[in-house]
Every structure is written in C-alpha cells, then in structure tokens.
C-alpha cells in the first residue's frame, strides 16, 4: 500500500481535487458572458434595494448565531442530564 494509512488519505484528497476542478471550471467556461445592468444590480433577498445598496443582513446573522448557540447548548444540556441520570442508576428512555 502506498505510504501506509496516510496514502489512502492522500488518494482521497487527489480524487476530491480531480472531481472538484471540472465542477468549478466547466460552468465558468460554458456560462453566458453577456453583462446586463439588470443582472448586475445588487439584490437583497429578491428585492431591489432602496438607496445605497448596503447589505443589511446583520439581524439575520445575529438571529442565526443566537439560535445556533442555543441549539448547541440545549443539546449539551440534554447530554449532560442523561449522563447524570445514568450515573445515578435511573432508567433513561
């Protein structure tokens, strides 16, 4: 086997690169290249921006971070409580 166990990892990386390069390059080569002012206009969530087209996704980002952190903490809390109950000898369903 090539380089032992690390050879498998190396070959997986090579296969990943070989399959990724065409997926990235073929659309670049075959995509239409006709610039249009409507196509190049900045859109925010499908709506035409009013004023200076500033991206205002901060609220969505903060909400996502809060819910992601909350989900992570709740999962950790549940795992911890399950472990405590198991150590105390109770039955957990």
N, C-alpha and C. Protein backbone atom coordinates (compact mmCIF):
# COMPACT_ATOMS: atom_id res chain seq x y z
N UNK A 1 0.86 -1.17 0.00
CA UNK A 1 0.00 0.00 0.00
C UNK A 1 0.90 1.23 0.00
N UNK A 2 0.49 2.24 -0.72
CA UNK A 2 1.27 3.47 -0.87
C UNK A 2 1.29 4.26 0.43
N UNK A 3 2.45 4.38 1.07
CA UNK A 3 2.66 5.17 2.29
C UNK A 3 1.79 4.72 3.46
N UNK A 4 1.33 3.50 3.47
CA UNK A 4 0.53 3.00 4.58
C UNK A 4 -0.85 3.63 4.62
N UNK A 5 -1.32 3.96 5.82
CA UNK A 5 -2.65 4.52 6.00
C UNK A 5 -2.77 5.94 5.47
N UNK A 6 -1.69 6.70 5.49
CA UNK A 6 -1.75 8.08 5.02
C UNK A 6 -1.90 8.13 3.50
N UNK A 7 -1.50 7.06 2.80
CA UNK A 7 -1.68 7.01 1.36
C UNK A 7 -3.14 7.03 0.95
N UNK A 8 -3.98 6.40 1.76
CA UNK A 8 -5.42 6.39 1.48
C UNK A 8 -5.97 7.81 1.61
N UNK A 9 -5.54 8.52 2.64
CA UNK A 9 -5.98 9.89 2.83
C UNK A 9 -5.50 10.76 1.68
N UNK A 10 -4.27 10.56 1.27
CA UNK A 10 -3.72 11.32 0.15
C UNK A 10 -4.50 11.06 -1.13
N UNK A 11 -4.80 9.79 -1.39
CA UNK A 11 -5.54 9.45 -2.60
C UNK A 11 -6.97 10.02 -2.56
N UNK A 12 -7.59 10.03 -1.39
CA UNK A 12 -8.92 10.64 -1.27
C UNK A 12 -8.86 12.13 -1.58
N UNK A 13 -7.79 12.80 -1.14
CA UNK A 13 -7.62 14.21 -1.45
C UNK A 13 -7.44 14.43 -2.94
N UNK A 14 -6.65 13.57 -3.59
CA UNK A 14 -6.43 13.69 -5.03
C UNK A 14 -7.75 13.47 -5.79
N UNK A 15 -8.50 12.45 -5.40
CA UNK A 15 -9.78 12.19 -6.04
C UNK A 15 -10.73 13.37 -5.84
N UNK A 16 -10.74 13.95 -4.64
CA UNK A 16 -11.58 15.11 -4.37
C UNK A 16 -11.21 16.29 -5.25
N UNK A 17 -9.93 16.54 -5.43
CA UNK A 17 -9.48 17.65 -6.28
C UNK A 17 -9.82 17.36 -7.74
N UNK A 18 -9.61 16.12 -8.17
CA UNK A 18 -9.88 15.75 -9.57
C UNK A 18 -11.37 15.91 -9.89
N UNK A 19 -12.26 15.59 -8.94
CA UNK A 19 -13.69 15.74 -9.19
C UNK A 19 -14.16 17.18 -9.00
N UNK A 20 -13.46 17.97 -8.21
CA UNK A 20 -13.88 19.34 -7.93
C UNK A 20 -13.50 20.30 -9.06
N UNK A 21 -12.33 20.14 -9.62
CA UNK A 21 -11.85 21.08 -10.65
C UNK A 21 -12.80 21.15 -11.85
N UNK A 22 -13.26 20.05 -12.42
CA UNK A 22 -14.21 20.18 -13.54
C UNK A 22 -15.53 20.82 -13.13
N UNK A 23 -16.00 20.54 -11.93
CA UNK A 23 -17.26 21.11 -11.48
C UNK A 23 -17.16 22.63 -11.37
N UNK A 24 -15.98 23.14 -11.07
CA UNK A 24 -15.79 24.58 -10.96
C UNK A 24 -15.49 25.20 -12.33
N UNK A 25 -14.68 24.53 -13.13
CA UNK A 25 -14.24 25.13 -14.39
C UNK A 25 -15.27 25.04 -15.52
N UNK A 26 -15.99 23.95 -15.64
CA UNK A 26 -16.94 23.79 -16.74
C UNK A 26 -18.02 24.86 -16.74
N UNK A 27 -18.64 25.19 -15.60
CA UNK A 27 -19.63 26.28 -15.64
C UNK A 27 -19.00 27.63 -15.99
N UNK A 28 -17.77 27.87 -15.56
CA UNK A 28 -17.09 29.12 -15.91
C UNK A 28 -16.87 29.21 -17.42
N UNK A 29 -16.56 28.10 -18.05
CA UNK A 29 -16.30 28.11 -19.49
C UNK A 29 -17.58 28.15 -20.31
N UNK A 30 -18.64 27.52 -19.84
CA UNK A 30 -19.87 27.42 -20.61
C UNK A 30 -20.93 28.47 -20.26
N UNK A 31 -20.71 29.24 -19.22
CA UNK A 31 -21.70 30.23 -18.80
C UNK A 31 -21.79 31.37 -19.79
N UNK A 32 -22.99 31.92 -20.01
CA UNK A 32 -23.12 33.07 -20.90
C UNK A 32 -22.41 34.28 -20.30
N UNK A 33 -21.78 35.05 -21.17
CA UNK A 33 -20.99 36.19 -20.71
C UNK A 33 -21.53 37.49 -21.29
N UNK A 34 -22.83 37.72 -21.15
CA UNK A 34 -23.45 38.95 -21.64
C UNK A 34 -23.85 39.79 -20.44
N UNK A 35 -23.02 40.76 -20.04
CA UNK A 35 -23.39 41.59 -18.89
C UNK A 35 -24.64 42.40 -19.18
N UNK A 36 -25.44 42.59 -18.18
CA UNK A 36 -26.70 43.30 -18.30
C UNK A 36 -26.88 44.12 -17.03
N UNK A 37 -27.29 45.38 -17.12
CA UNK A 37 -27.45 46.18 -15.91
C UNK A 37 -28.45 45.58 -14.92
N UNK A 38 -29.47 44.93 -15.44
CA UNK A 38 -30.46 44.32 -14.54
C UNK A 38 -29.85 43.11 -13.83
N UNK A 39 -29.08 42.31 -14.57
CA UNK A 39 -28.45 41.14 -13.96
C UNK A 39 -27.37 41.53 -12.97
N UNK A 40 -26.70 42.64 -13.20
CA UNK A 40 -25.60 43.07 -12.34
C UNK A 40 -26.07 43.90 -11.15
N UNK A 41 -27.36 44.22 -11.08
CA UNK A 41 -27.88 45.02 -9.97
C UNK A 41 -27.84 44.19 -8.68
N UNK A 42 -27.48 44.81 -7.57
CA UNK A 42 -27.46 44.08 -6.30
C UNK A 42 -28.88 43.84 -5.81
N UNK A 43 -29.15 42.62 -5.40
CA UNK A 43 -30.46 42.28 -4.86
C UNK A 43 -30.29 41.85 -3.41
N UNK A 44 -31.27 42.17 -2.61
CA UNK A 44 -31.26 41.73 -1.22
C UNK A 44 -32.52 40.91 -0.99
N UNK A 45 -32.38 39.63 -0.84
CA UNK A 45 -33.50 38.72 -0.60
C UNK A 45 -34.54 38.83 -1.70
N UNK A 46 -34.13 39.02 -2.93
CA UNK A 46 -35.03 39.08 -4.05
C UNK A 46 -35.68 40.43 -4.25
N UNK A 47 -35.38 41.40 -3.42
CA UNK A 47 -35.98 42.73 -3.53
C UNK A 47 -34.93 43.72 -4.04
N UNK A 48 -35.36 44.64 -4.86
CA UNK A 48 -34.45 45.68 -5.34
C UNK A 48 -34.16 46.62 -4.17
N UNK A 49 -32.89 46.85 -3.86
CA UNK A 49 -32.55 47.69 -2.71
C UNK A 49 -32.93 49.15 -2.96
N UNK A 50 -33.33 49.82 -1.92
CA UNK A 50 -33.68 51.23 -1.99
C UNK A 50 -32.53 52.02 -1.37
N UNK A 51 -32.06 53.04 -2.05
CA UNK A 51 -30.96 53.85 -1.53
C UNK A 51 -29.63 53.24 -1.90
N UNK A 52 -28.65 53.46 -1.05
CA UNK A 52 -27.30 52.93 -1.29
C UNK A 52 -27.31 51.45 -0.96
N UNK A 53 -27.26 50.61 -1.92
CA UNK A 53 -27.43 49.16 -1.79
C UNK A 53 -26.50 48.53 -0.76
N UNK A 54 -26.75 48.84 0.49
CA UNK A 54 -25.94 48.25 1.56
C UNK A 54 -26.58 46.94 1.99
N UNK A 55 -25.76 45.98 2.25
CA UNK A 55 -26.28 44.69 2.71
C UNK A 55 -26.62 44.82 4.18
N UNK A 56 -27.85 44.54 4.52
CA UNK A 56 -28.29 44.65 5.91
C UNK A 56 -28.75 43.28 6.40
N UNK A 57 -27.83 42.36 6.44
CA UNK A 57 -28.14 41.01 6.89
C UNK A 57 -27.72 40.81 8.33
N UNK A 58 -27.35 41.88 9.04
CA UNK A 58 -26.85 41.73 10.39
C UNK A 58 -27.89 41.13 11.32
N UNK A 59 -29.14 41.54 11.15
CA UNK A 59 -30.20 40.99 12.02
C UNK A 59 -30.34 39.49 11.79
N UNK A 60 -30.34 39.06 10.53
CA UNK A 60 -30.44 37.62 10.24
C UNK A 60 -29.23 36.87 10.78
N UNK A 61 -28.07 37.47 10.66
CA UNK A 61 -26.86 36.83 11.17
C UNK A 61 -26.92 36.67 12.68
N UNK A 62 -27.34 37.72 13.37
CA UNK A 62 -27.43 37.64 14.83
C UNK A 62 -28.47 36.62 15.27
N UNK A 63 -29.61 36.59 14.59
CA UNK A 63 -30.63 35.60 14.93
C UNK A 63 -30.11 34.19 14.71
N UNK A 64 -29.40 33.97 13.59
CA UNK A 64 -28.83 32.65 13.32
C UNK A 64 -27.85 32.25 14.40
N UNK A 65 -26.97 33.17 14.79
CA UNK A 65 -25.97 32.85 15.81
C UNK A 65 -26.63 32.53 17.13
N UNK A 66 -27.64 33.31 17.50
CA UNK A 66 -28.33 33.06 18.76
C UNK A 66 -28.99 31.69 18.75
N UNK A 67 -29.71 31.35 17.69
CA UNK A 67 -30.39 30.06 17.65
C UNK A 67 -29.39 28.90 17.53
N UNK A 68 -28.31 29.09 16.81
CA UNK A 68 -27.30 28.02 16.71
C UNK A 68 -26.66 27.77 18.06
N UNK A 69 -26.32 28.85 18.77
CA UNK A 69 -25.72 28.69 20.09
C UNK A 69 -26.72 28.06 21.06
N UNK A 70 -27.98 28.48 20.98
CA UNK A 70 -28.99 27.93 21.87
C UNK A 70 -29.19 26.44 21.59
N UNK A 71 -29.22 26.04 20.32
CA UNK A 71 -29.38 24.62 19.99
C UNK A 71 -28.20 23.82 20.51
N UNK A 72 -27.01 24.36 20.37
CA UNK A 72 -25.82 23.66 20.84
C UNK A 72 -25.85 23.50 22.36
N UNK A 73 -26.22 24.56 23.05
CA UNK A 73 -26.26 24.49 24.50
C UNK A 73 -27.35 23.54 24.97
N UNK A 74 -28.51 23.56 24.32
CA UNK A 74 -29.58 22.65 24.72
C UNK A 74 -29.18 21.20 24.49
N UNK A 75 -28.48 20.94 23.38
CA UNK A 75 -28.03 19.57 23.13
C UNK A 75 -27.03 19.14 24.19
N UNK A 76 -26.10 20.02 24.51
CA UNK A 76 -25.13 19.70 25.55
C UNK A 76 -25.78 19.51 26.90
N UNK A 77 -26.79 20.33 27.22
CA UNK A 77 -27.50 20.20 28.48
C UNK A 77 -28.22 18.86 28.55
N UNK A 78 -28.88 18.46 27.47
CA UNK A 78 -29.57 17.18 27.44
C UNK A 78 -28.62 16.01 27.61
N UNK A 79 -27.46 16.09 26.94
CA UNK A 79 -26.47 15.02 27.06
C UNK A 79 -25.95 14.94 28.48
N UNK A 80 -25.72 16.09 29.10
CA UNK A 80 -25.21 16.12 30.46
C UNK A 80 -26.23 15.55 31.43
N UNK A 81 -27.49 15.93 31.28
CA UNK A 81 -28.52 15.42 32.17
C UNK A 81 -28.70 13.91 32.01
N UNK A 82 -28.61 13.44 30.77
CA UNK A 82 -28.73 12.00 30.53
C UNK A 82 -27.59 11.25 31.23
N UNK A 83 -26.41 11.80 31.16
CA UNK A 83 -25.26 11.15 31.77
C UNK A 83 -25.38 11.15 33.30
N UNK A 84 -25.86 12.25 33.86
CA UNK A 84 -26.03 12.32 35.31
C UNK A 84 -27.05 11.30 35.78
N UNK A 85 -28.16 11.20 35.04
CA UNK A 85 -29.19 10.23 35.42
C UNK A 85 -28.66 8.81 35.31
N UNK A 86 -27.88 8.52 34.28
CA UNK A 86 -27.33 7.17 34.13
C UNK A 86 -26.36 6.86 35.27
N UNK A 87 -25.57 7.85 35.70
CA UNK A 87 -24.63 7.61 36.77
C UNK A 87 -25.35 7.40 38.10
N UNK A 88 -26.52 8.00 38.25
CA UNK A 88 -27.29 7.80 39.47
C UNK A 88 -28.03 6.47 39.48
N UNK A 89 -28.06 5.79 38.34
CA UNK A 89 -28.67 4.47 38.27
C UNK A 89 -30.11 4.46 37.84
N UNK A 90 -30.62 5.60 37.42
CA UNK A 90 -32.02 5.65 36.97
C UNK A 90 -32.09 5.16 35.51
N UNK A 91 -33.29 4.81 35.09
CA UNK A 91 -33.52 4.34 33.72
C UNK A 91 -33.89 5.54 32.86
N UNK A 92 -33.21 5.67 31.70
CA UNK A 92 -33.47 6.76 30.78
C UNK A 92 -34.09 6.18 29.51
N UNK A 93 -35.20 6.73 29.09
CA UNK A 93 -35.86 6.25 27.86
C UNK A 93 -35.31 6.99 26.69
